[in-house]
Protein backbone atom coordinates (compact mmCIF):
# COMPACT_ATOMS: atom_id res chain seq x y z
CA MET A 1 146.75 -63.21 -167.86
CA ALA A 2 147.10 -60.37 -165.38
CA LEU A 3 144.67 -57.56 -164.66
CA SER A 4 142.98 -56.33 -167.81
CA PHE A 5 142.73 -52.75 -168.99
CA GLY A 6 138.94 -52.84 -168.64
CA GLU A 7 139.04 -54.20 -165.09
CA PHE A 8 141.47 -51.49 -164.03
CA PHE A 9 139.41 -48.66 -165.50
CA GLY A 10 136.23 -50.27 -164.18
CA LEU A 11 137.71 -50.02 -160.70
CA MET A 12 138.71 -46.40 -161.33
CA ALA A 13 135.16 -45.60 -162.51
CA TRP A 14 133.72 -47.31 -159.42
CA MET A 15 136.04 -45.29 -157.18
CA PHE A 16 135.04 -42.06 -158.96
CA ALA A 17 131.32 -42.81 -158.64
CA SER A 18 131.69 -43.73 -154.97
CA ALA A 19 133.62 -40.54 -154.25
CA LEU A 20 131.08 -38.41 -156.12
CA VAL A 21 128.08 -39.88 -154.29
CA ALA A 22 129.78 -39.75 -150.89
CA GLY A 23 130.93 -36.17 -151.50
CA LEU A 24 127.38 -35.13 -152.33
CA ILE A 25 126.04 -36.91 -149.25
CA GLY A 26 128.75 -35.29 -147.14
CA TYR A 27 127.91 -31.88 -148.55
CA THR A 28 124.17 -32.31 -147.96
CA THR A 29 124.54 -33.61 -144.42
CA ALA A 30 127.05 -30.90 -143.50
CA ALA A 31 124.92 -28.14 -145.03
CA LYS A 32 121.94 -29.32 -142.95
CA ASN A 33 124.22 -29.51 -139.89
CA PHE A 34 123.63 -33.26 -139.41
CA VAL A 35 127.41 -33.70 -139.55
CA TYR A 36 129.86 -31.13 -138.21
CA LEU A 37 133.47 -30.75 -137.15
CA LEU A 38 134.43 -31.21 -133.51
CA GLU A 39 137.25 -29.54 -131.63
CA PRO A 40 140.17 -29.16 -132.07
CA LEU A 41 139.58 -29.50 -135.82
CA ALA A 42 136.62 -27.10 -135.84
CA SER A 43 138.76 -24.18 -134.68
CA ARG A 44 141.62 -25.04 -137.07
CA VAL A 45 139.41 -25.02 -140.19
CA PRO A 46 137.82 -21.64 -141.04
CA GLN A 47 134.07 -21.69 -140.39
CA GLU A 48 133.21 -20.93 -144.04
CA ARG A 49 135.22 -24.00 -145.15
CA HIS A 50 133.64 -26.57 -142.80
CA ILE A 51 131.14 -27.87 -145.37
CA ALA A 52 133.78 -28.19 -148.08
CA PHE A 53 136.18 -29.87 -145.65
CA ILE A 54 133.57 -32.46 -144.64
CA SER A 55 132.53 -33.05 -148.27
CA VAL A 56 136.10 -33.71 -149.36
CA GLY A 57 136.69 -35.95 -146.36
CA TRP A 58 133.68 -38.07 -147.26
CA ALA A 59 134.73 -38.24 -150.91
CA HIS A 60 138.29 -39.27 -150.04
CA SER A 61 137.14 -41.89 -147.55
CA ALA A 62 134.71 -43.41 -150.05
CA SER A 63 137.36 -43.47 -152.76
CA TYR A 64 139.88 -45.22 -150.54
CA LEU A 65 137.34 -47.71 -149.22
CA SER A 66 135.95 -48.58 -152.65
CA GLY A 67 139.49 -48.87 -154.05
CA PHE A 68 140.53 -51.15 -151.20
CA ILE A 69 137.50 -53.41 -151.54
CA GLY A 70 137.60 -53.33 -155.35
CA GLY A 71 141.32 -54.09 -155.30
CA ILE A 72 140.75 -57.15 -153.16
CA ILE A 73 137.97 -58.32 -155.50
CA LEU A 74 140.20 -57.87 -158.56
CA TRP A 75 143.06 -59.61 -156.79
CA ILE A 76 140.85 -62.64 -156.07
CA LYS A 77 139.41 -62.67 -159.60
CA THR A 78 142.89 -62.49 -161.13
CA TRP A 79 144.23 -65.17 -158.82
CA LYS A 80 141.37 -67.50 -159.74
CA ARG A 81 141.87 -66.79 -163.44
CA ILE A 82 145.62 -67.47 -163.52
CA GLY A 83 145.50 -70.35 -161.05
CA VAL A 84 148.27 -71.45 -158.73
CA PRO A 85 151.52 -69.49 -159.26
CA ALA A 86 154.39 -71.41 -160.91
CA ALA A 87 156.55 -71.26 -157.76
CA GLN A 88 153.90 -73.09 -155.77
CA LYS A 89 153.46 -75.70 -158.52
CA ASN A 90 157.22 -76.42 -158.41
CA GLN A 91 157.17 -76.80 -154.62
CA THR A 92 154.27 -79.27 -154.66
CA ALA A 93 155.93 -81.32 -157.43
CA ASN A 94 159.04 -81.95 -155.31
């Protein structure tokens, strides 16, 4: 059995939650000026958009990281569940 519907949407929910939390942290830290843009990016992004830019960057990064890690976890779980692929079984039998 391959990846289940619930596992897939569980990963999507995890990615959403991670992005939401990281975006809020990014917004808070940027609004308090703990995190800020450096040059040359700071001059390319309008000053009034810096906080939004940082927030979205944090959200995207968290989503990609959680998706990457969650994908690896699901890959391992699926591989353990289905066992050794048929092609490898045929090679070891010969």
